[in-house]
Amino acid sequence: MKIKLDENMPARLARRLGLLGHEVQTVRDEGMEGRLDAAIWDAAQSEGRFLITQDMDFSDIRRFVPGSHYGVLLIRLHIPKRRSLIRRVEDLFRQEDVSEWGRCLIVATEERLRVRRPAKLP
């Protein structure tokens, strides 16, 4: 999977996901820190990348309609420390079939995982 990590995600996560076979770019490595959400979004979409973020702005299902993008994983932990973020995302990528997440909006907490898939056409 081609992934873009938002600047609010730990940098070490890129290496960990890379070891699991994913192609990961980070907002930090690309010098995009501090850019508007729209710029991050446009970069992820133009590169065909699945975005992993903690930014609630990407949770608006009316704006980021499943099926209209390459996918978003929104991490919502009660205490989002680096270790807990890395552990949760790494666990998800080890335990779930992430190949089915393309074009979806996924929200993950410590206990739950909600996957919003594209609407089926009649």
N, C-alpha and C. Protein backbone atom coordinates (compact mmCIF):
# COMPACT_ATOMS: atom_id res chain seq x y z
N MET A 1 0.85 -1.18 0.00
CA MET A 1 0.00 0.00 0.00
C MET A 1 0.89 1.23 0.00
N LYS A 2 0.50 2.23 -0.78
CA LYS A 2 1.19 3.52 -0.78
C LYS A 2 0.54 4.40 0.28
N ILE A 3 1.36 4.88 1.23
CA ILE A 3 0.85 5.59 2.40
C ILE A 3 1.53 6.95 2.53
N LYS A 4 0.75 7.93 3.00
CA LYS A 4 1.31 9.21 3.42
C LYS A 4 0.98 9.39 4.89
N LEU A 5 2.00 9.64 5.71
CA LEU A 5 1.80 9.92 7.14
C LEU A 5 1.74 11.42 7.35
N ASP A 6 0.68 11.87 7.99
CA ASP A 6 0.54 13.28 8.33
C ASP A 6 1.59 13.65 9.37
N GLU A 7 1.83 14.94 9.53
CA GLU A 7 2.86 15.39 10.46
C GLU A 7 2.52 15.11 11.91
N ASN A 8 1.25 14.80 12.22
CA ASN A 8 0.88 14.51 13.59
C ASN A 8 1.04 13.04 13.95
N MET A 9 1.66 12.29 13.08
CA MET A 9 1.94 10.88 13.34
C MET A 9 3.44 10.72 13.59
N PRO A 10 3.84 9.79 14.47
CA PRO A 10 5.26 9.60 14.79
C PRO A 10 6.07 9.21 13.55
N ALA A 11 7.22 9.83 13.39
CA ALA A 11 8.09 9.56 12.23
C ALA A 11 8.52 8.09 12.19
N ARG A 12 8.74 7.47 13.35
CA ARG A 12 9.18 6.07 13.39
C ARG A 12 8.16 5.12 12.79
N LEU A 13 6.92 5.55 12.71
CA LEU A 13 5.88 4.71 12.14
C LEU A 13 6.16 4.42 10.65
N ALA A 14 6.78 5.36 9.96
CA ALA A 14 7.09 5.15 8.54
C ALA A 14 7.99 3.93 8.37
N ARG A 15 9.00 3.83 9.18
CA ARG A 15 9.93 2.68 9.11
C ARG A 15 9.20 1.38 9.45
N ARG A 16 8.38 1.42 10.48
CA ARG A 16 7.67 0.21 10.91
C ARG A 16 6.72 -0.29 9.82
N LEU A 17 6.00 0.63 9.19
CA LEU A 17 5.09 0.23 8.12
C LEU A 17 5.87 -0.22 6.89
N GLY A 18 7.02 0.40 6.68
CA GLY A 18 7.89 -0.03 5.58
C GLY A 18 8.36 -1.47 5.76
N LEU A 19 8.66 -1.85 6.98
CA LEU A 19 9.08 -3.23 7.27
C LEU A 19 7.94 -4.23 7.02
N LEU A 20 6.71 -3.72 7.03
CA LEU A 20 5.56 -4.58 6.74
C LEU A 20 5.25 -4.61 5.25
N GLY A 21 6.08 -3.96 4.46
CA GLY A 21 5.94 -4.02 3.00
C GLY A 21 5.22 -2.86 2.36
N HIS A 22 4.99 -1.80 3.10
CA HIS A 22 4.28 -0.65 2.55
C HIS A 22 5.27 0.43 2.11
N GLU A 23 4.86 1.21 1.12
CA GLU A 23 5.67 2.33 0.62
C GLU A 23 5.16 3.59 1.32
N VAL A 24 5.98 4.14 2.21
CA VAL A 24 5.52 5.23 3.07
C VAL A 24 6.31 6.51 2.81
N GLN A 25 5.57 7.60 2.67
CA GLN A 25 6.16 8.94 2.64
C GLN A 25 5.55 9.72 3.80
N THR A 26 6.33 10.64 4.35
CA THR A 26 5.82 11.45 5.45
C THR A 26 5.78 12.91 5.04
N VAL A 27 4.85 13.62 5.64
CA VAL A 27 4.74 15.06 5.42
C VAL A 27 6.05 15.74 5.84
N ARG A 28 6.64 15.28 6.94
CA ARG A 28 7.91 15.86 7.41
C ARG A 28 9.03 15.69 6.38
N ASP A 29 9.19 14.47 5.89
CA ASP A 29 10.27 14.20 4.93
C ASP A 29 10.11 14.98 3.64
N GLU A 30 8.89 15.32 3.31
CA GLU A 30 8.63 16.07 2.07
C GLU A 30 8.67 17.58 2.30
N GLY A 31 8.97 18.01 3.53
CA GLY A 31 9.05 19.44 3.82
C GLY A 31 7.70 20.14 3.77
N MET A 32 6.63 19.39 4.08
CA MET A 32 5.29 19.97 4.01
C MET A 32 4.71 20.30 5.39
N GLU A 33 5.54 20.29 6.42
CA GLU A 33 5.05 20.59 7.76
C GLU A 33 4.44 21.98 7.80
N GLY A 34 3.33 22.10 8.50
CA GLY A 34 2.68 23.39 8.65
C GLY A 34 1.80 23.80 7.48
N ARG A 35 1.76 22.98 6.45
CA ARG A 35 0.92 23.32 5.29
C ARG A 35 -0.55 23.08 5.63
N LEU A 36 -1.40 23.74 4.89
CA LEU A 36 -2.84 23.57 5.08
C LEU A 36 -3.26 22.13 4.78
N ASP A 37 -4.35 21.70 5.41
CA ASP A 37 -4.88 20.36 5.17
C ASP A 37 -5.11 20.11 3.69
N ALA A 38 -5.59 21.13 2.98
CA ALA A 38 -5.87 20.97 1.55
C ALA A 38 -4.61 20.60 0.77
N ALA A 39 -3.48 21.16 1.14
CA ALA A 39 -2.22 20.85 0.45
C ALA A 39 -1.79 19.41 0.75
N ILE A 40 -1.95 18.98 1.99
CA ILE A 40 -1.61 17.60 2.37
C ILE A 40 -2.52 16.64 1.61
N TRP A 41 -3.80 16.96 1.59
CA TRP A 41 -4.78 16.12 0.91
C TRP A 41 -4.46 16.02 -0.58
N ASP A 42 -4.23 17.16 -1.20
CA ASP A 42 -3.93 17.18 -2.64
C ASP A 42 -2.68 16.36 -2.95
N ALA A 43 -1.66 16.47 -2.11
CA ALA A 43 -0.43 15.69 -2.32
C ALA A 43 -0.72 14.20 -2.21
N ALA A 44 -1.47 13.79 -1.19
CA ALA A 44 -1.79 12.37 -1.01
C ALA A 44 -2.58 11.85 -2.21
N GLN A 45 -3.53 12.64 -2.67
CA GLN A 45 -4.36 12.19 -3.78
C GLN A 45 -3.59 12.15 -5.10
N SER A 46 -2.77 13.16 -5.34
CA SER A 46 -2.02 13.17 -6.60
C SER A 46 -0.99 12.04 -6.67
N GLU A 47 -0.56 11.56 -5.50
CA GLU A 47 0.40 10.47 -5.44
C GLU A 47 -0.29 9.11 -5.28
N GLY A 48 -1.62 9.11 -5.16
CA GLY A 48 -2.35 7.86 -4.98
C GLY A 48 -2.07 7.21 -3.65
N ARG A 49 -1.96 8.02 -2.59
CA ARG A 49 -1.58 7.51 -1.27
C ARG A 49 -2.74 7.52 -0.28
N PHE A 50 -2.74 6.50 0.56
CA PHE A 50 -3.66 6.35 1.69
C PHE A 50 -3.12 7.23 2.81
N LEU A 51 -3.94 8.11 3.36
CA LEU A 51 -3.50 9.06 4.38
C LEU A 51 -3.77 8.52 5.79
N ILE A 52 -2.75 8.60 6.64
CA ILE A 52 -2.91 8.24 8.05
C ILE A 52 -2.69 9.52 8.85
N THR A 53 -3.68 9.86 9.69
CA THR A 53 -3.66 11.13 10.40
C THR A 53 -4.41 11.04 11.72
N GLN A 54 -4.23 12.07 12.55
CA GLN A 54 -5.05 12.27 13.75
C GLN A 54 -5.94 13.49 13.59
N ASP A 55 -5.84 14.15 12.47
CA ASP A 55 -6.52 15.42 12.22
C ASP A 55 -8.01 15.20 11.96
N MET A 56 -8.84 15.67 12.88
CA MET A 56 -10.29 15.51 12.78
C MET A 56 -10.89 16.19 11.55
N ASP A 57 -10.18 17.13 10.96
CA ASP A 57 -10.69 17.79 9.75
C ASP A 57 -10.94 16.78 8.64
N PHE A 58 -10.21 15.67 8.65
CA PHE A 58 -10.38 14.66 7.62
C PHE A 58 -11.51 13.67 7.93
N SER A 59 -12.25 13.90 9.00
CA SER A 59 -13.33 12.99 9.39
C SER A 59 -14.68 13.35 8.78
N ASP A 60 -14.77 14.48 8.12
CA ASP A 60 -16.04 14.93 7.55
C ASP A 60 -16.40 14.06 6.34
N ILE A 61 -17.32 13.15 6.55
CA ILE A 61 -17.69 12.18 5.52
C ILE A 61 -18.41 12.85 4.34
N ARG A 62 -18.95 14.03 4.56
CA ARG A 62 -19.58 14.76 3.45
C ARG A 62 -18.52 15.37 2.53
N ARG A 63 -17.41 15.74 3.10
CA ARG A 63 -16.32 16.33 2.31
C ARG A 63 -15.40 15.26 1.74
N PHE A 64 -15.14 14.22 2.53
CA PHE A 64 -14.25 13.13 2.13
C PHE A 64 -15.08 11.86 1.94
N VAL A 65 -15.91 11.88 0.96
CA VAL A 65 -16.86 10.79 0.70
C VAL A 65 -16.10 9.52 0.34
N PRO A 66 -16.36 8.42 1.07
CA PRO A 66 -15.72 7.16 0.70
C PRO A 66 -15.96 6.84 -0.77
N GLY A 67 -14.90 6.45 -1.44
CA GLY A 67 -14.97 6.15 -2.86
C GLY A 67 -14.44 7.28 -3.72
N SER A 68 -14.30 8.47 -3.13
CA SER A 68 -13.83 9.63 -3.89
C SER A 68 -12.35 9.92 -3.65
N HIS A 69 -11.67 9.04 -2.94
CA HIS A 69 -10.26 9.27 -2.60
C HIS A 69 -9.56 7.92 -2.40
N TYR A 70 -8.27 7.98 -2.08
CA TYR A 70 -7.48 6.75 -1.93
C TYR A 70 -7.55 6.14 -0.53
N GLY A 71 -8.25 6.80 0.39
CA GLY A 71 -8.44 6.24 1.72
C GLY A 71 -7.81 7.08 2.81
N VAL A 72 -8.46 7.04 3.98
CA VAL A 72 -8.00 7.79 5.16
C VAL A 72 -8.15 6.90 6.38
N LEU A 73 -7.10 6.84 7.18
CA LEU A 73 -7.17 6.20 8.50
C LEU A 73 -7.03 7.32 9.52
N LEU A 74 -8.09 7.54 10.28
CA LEU A 74 -8.11 8.56 11.32
C LEU A 74 -7.92 7.86 12.67
N ILE A 75 -6.85 8.18 13.35
CA ILE A 75 -6.54 7.57 14.64
C ILE A 75 -7.03 8.50 15.75
N ARG A 76 -7.89 7.98 16.63
CA ARG A 76 -8.48 8.76 17.71
C ARG A 76 -8.23 8.05 19.04
N LEU A 77 -7.05 8.22 19.61
CA LEU A 77 -6.73 7.61 20.90
C LEU A 77 -6.99 8.61 22.02
N HIS A 78 -7.39 8.11 23.18
CA HIS A 78 -7.64 8.99 24.33
C HIS A 78 -6.37 9.70 24.76
N ILE A 79 -5.27 8.95 24.80
CA ILE A 79 -3.97 9.53 25.14
C ILE A 79 -3.02 9.18 24.00
N PRO A 80 -2.91 10.08 23.02
CA PRO A 80 -2.15 9.77 21.80
C PRO A 80 -0.64 10.00 21.94
N LYS A 81 -0.01 9.20 22.77
CA LYS A 81 1.45 9.27 22.90
C LYS A 81 2.09 8.52 21.74
N ARG A 82 3.33 8.85 21.43
CA ARG A 82 4.01 8.23 20.29
C ARG A 82 3.94 6.71 20.30
N ARG A 83 4.29 6.13 21.43
CA ARG A 83 4.31 4.66 21.51
C ARG A 83 2.94 4.05 21.27
N SER A 84 1.91 4.65 21.86
CA SER A 84 0.56 4.10 21.69
C SER A 84 0.07 4.29 20.26
N LEU A 85 0.44 5.38 19.61
CA LEU A 85 0.07 5.59 18.21
C LEU A 85 0.75 4.55 17.31
N ILE A 86 2.05 4.37 17.51
CA ILE A 86 2.79 3.39 16.71
C ILE A 86 2.21 2.00 16.94
N ARG A 87 2.00 1.64 18.19
CA ARG A 87 1.49 0.31 18.52
C ARG A 87 0.12 0.07 17.89
N ARG A 88 -0.77 1.05 18.00
CA ARG A 88 -2.13 0.86 17.46
C ARG A 88 -2.12 0.72 15.94
N VAL A 89 -1.39 1.59 15.26
CA VAL A 89 -1.37 1.52 13.79
C VAL A 89 -0.67 0.25 13.34
N GLU A 90 0.43 -0.09 13.96
CA GLU A 90 1.15 -1.31 13.59
C GLU A 90 0.27 -2.55 13.82
N ASP A 91 -0.44 -2.58 14.95
CA ASP A 91 -1.35 -3.71 15.22
C ASP A 91 -2.43 -3.80 14.15
N LEU A 92 -3.00 -2.67 13.77
CA LEU A 92 -4.03 -2.67 12.74
C LEU A 92 -3.48 -3.23 11.42
N PHE A 93 -2.29 -2.79 11.05
CA PHE A 93 -1.70 -3.23 9.78
C PHE A 93 -1.25 -4.69 9.82
N ARG A 94 -1.05 -5.23 11.00
CA ARG A 94 -0.72 -6.65 11.12
C ARG A 94 -1.97 -7.54 11.19
N GLN A 95 -3.03 -7.04 11.81
CA GLN A 95 -4.19 -7.86 12.10
C GLN A 95 -5.34 -7.72 11.10
N GLU A 96 -5.43 -6.59 10.44
CA GLU A 96 -6.55 -6.33 9.54
C GLU A 96 -6.12 -6.53 8.09
N ASP A 97 -7.08 -6.76 7.23
CA ASP A 97 -6.81 -6.85 5.80
C ASP A 97 -6.86 -5.43 5.23
N VAL A 98 -5.75 -4.71 5.37
CA VAL A 98 -5.71 -3.31 4.95
C VAL A 98 -5.82 -3.14 3.44
N SER A 99 -5.64 -4.22 2.70
CA SER A 99 -5.80 -4.13 1.25
C SER A 99 -7.24 -3.77 0.88
N GLU A 100 -8.17 -3.98 1.79
CA GLU A 100 -9.57 -3.64 1.56
C GLU A 100 -9.92 -2.21 1.98
N TRP A 101 -8.95 -1.46 2.48
CA TRP A 101 -9.20 -0.12 3.00
C TRP A 101 -9.11 0.98 1.95
N GLY A 102 -8.64 0.67 0.76
CA GLY A 102 -8.56 1.68 -0.28
C GLY A 102 -9.93 2.30 -0.51
N ARG A 103 -9.95 3.61 -0.66
CA ARG A 103 -11.18 4.37 -0.95
C ARG A 103 -12.14 4.45 0.24
N CYS A 104 -11.70 4.01 1.43
CA CYS A 104 -12.55 4.01 2.63
C CYS A 104 -12.10 5.09 3.61
N LEU A 105 -13.01 5.44 4.52
CA LEU A 105 -12.68 6.27 5.68
C LEU A 105 -12.72 5.34 6.88
N ILE A 106 -11.58 5.20 7.54
CA ILE A 106 -11.47 4.30 8.69
C ILE A 106 -11.18 5.14 9.93
N VAL A 107 -11.92 4.89 10.99
CA VAL A 107 -11.68 5.55 12.28
C VAL A 107 -11.32 4.47 13.28
N ALA A 108 -10.16 4.66 13.92
CA ALA A 108 -9.69 3.67 14.90
C ALA A 108 -9.48 4.33 16.25
N THR A 109 -10.06 3.71 17.27
CA THR A 109 -9.80 4.10 18.65
C THR A 109 -9.02 2.94 19.27
N GLU A 110 -8.81 3.01 20.58
CA GLU A 110 -8.12 1.91 21.25
C GLU A 110 -8.90 0.60 21.12
N GLU A 111 -10.22 0.69 21.20
CA GLU A 111 -11.04 -0.52 21.23
C GLU A 111 -11.78 -0.82 19.95
N ARG A 112 -12.04 0.19 19.13
CA ARG A 112 -12.93 0.00 17.98
C ARG A 112 -12.26 0.35 16.67
N LEU A 113 -12.85 -0.20 15.64
CA LEU A 113 -12.44 0.11 14.28
C LEU A 113 -13.71 0.24 13.46
N ARG A 114 -13.91 1.41 12.87
CA ARG A 114 -15.09 1.63 12.03
C ARG A 114 -14.62 1.91 10.61
N VAL A 115 -15.11 1.13 9.68
CA VAL A 115 -14.73 1.28 8.28
C VAL A 115 -15.94 1.75 7.49
N ARG A 116 -15.83 2.92 6.91
CA ARG A 116 -16.88 3.45 6.04
C ARG A 116 -16.45 3.20 4.61
N ARG A 117 -17.19 2.32 3.95
CA ARG A 117 -16.86 1.93 2.57
C ARG A 117 -17.65 2.77 1.57
N PRO A 118 -17.19 2.78 0.32
CA PRO A 118 -17.95 3.50 -0.70
C PRO A 118 -19.35 2.92 -0.83
N ALA A 119 -20.30 3.78 -1.13
CA ALA A 119 -21.68 3.32 -1.32
C ALA A 119 -21.75 2.44 -2.55
N LYS A 120 -22.58 1.41 -2.45
CA LYS A 120 -22.76 0.52 -3.60
C LYS A 120 -23.76 1.15 -4.54
N LEU A 121 -23.45 1.07 -5.81
CA LEU A 121 -24.36 1.60 -6.82
C LEU A 121 -25.48 0.61 -7.07
N PRO A 122 -26.70 1.13 -7.35
CA PRO A 122 -27.83 0.22 -7.58
C PRO A 122 -27.68 -0.58 -8.86
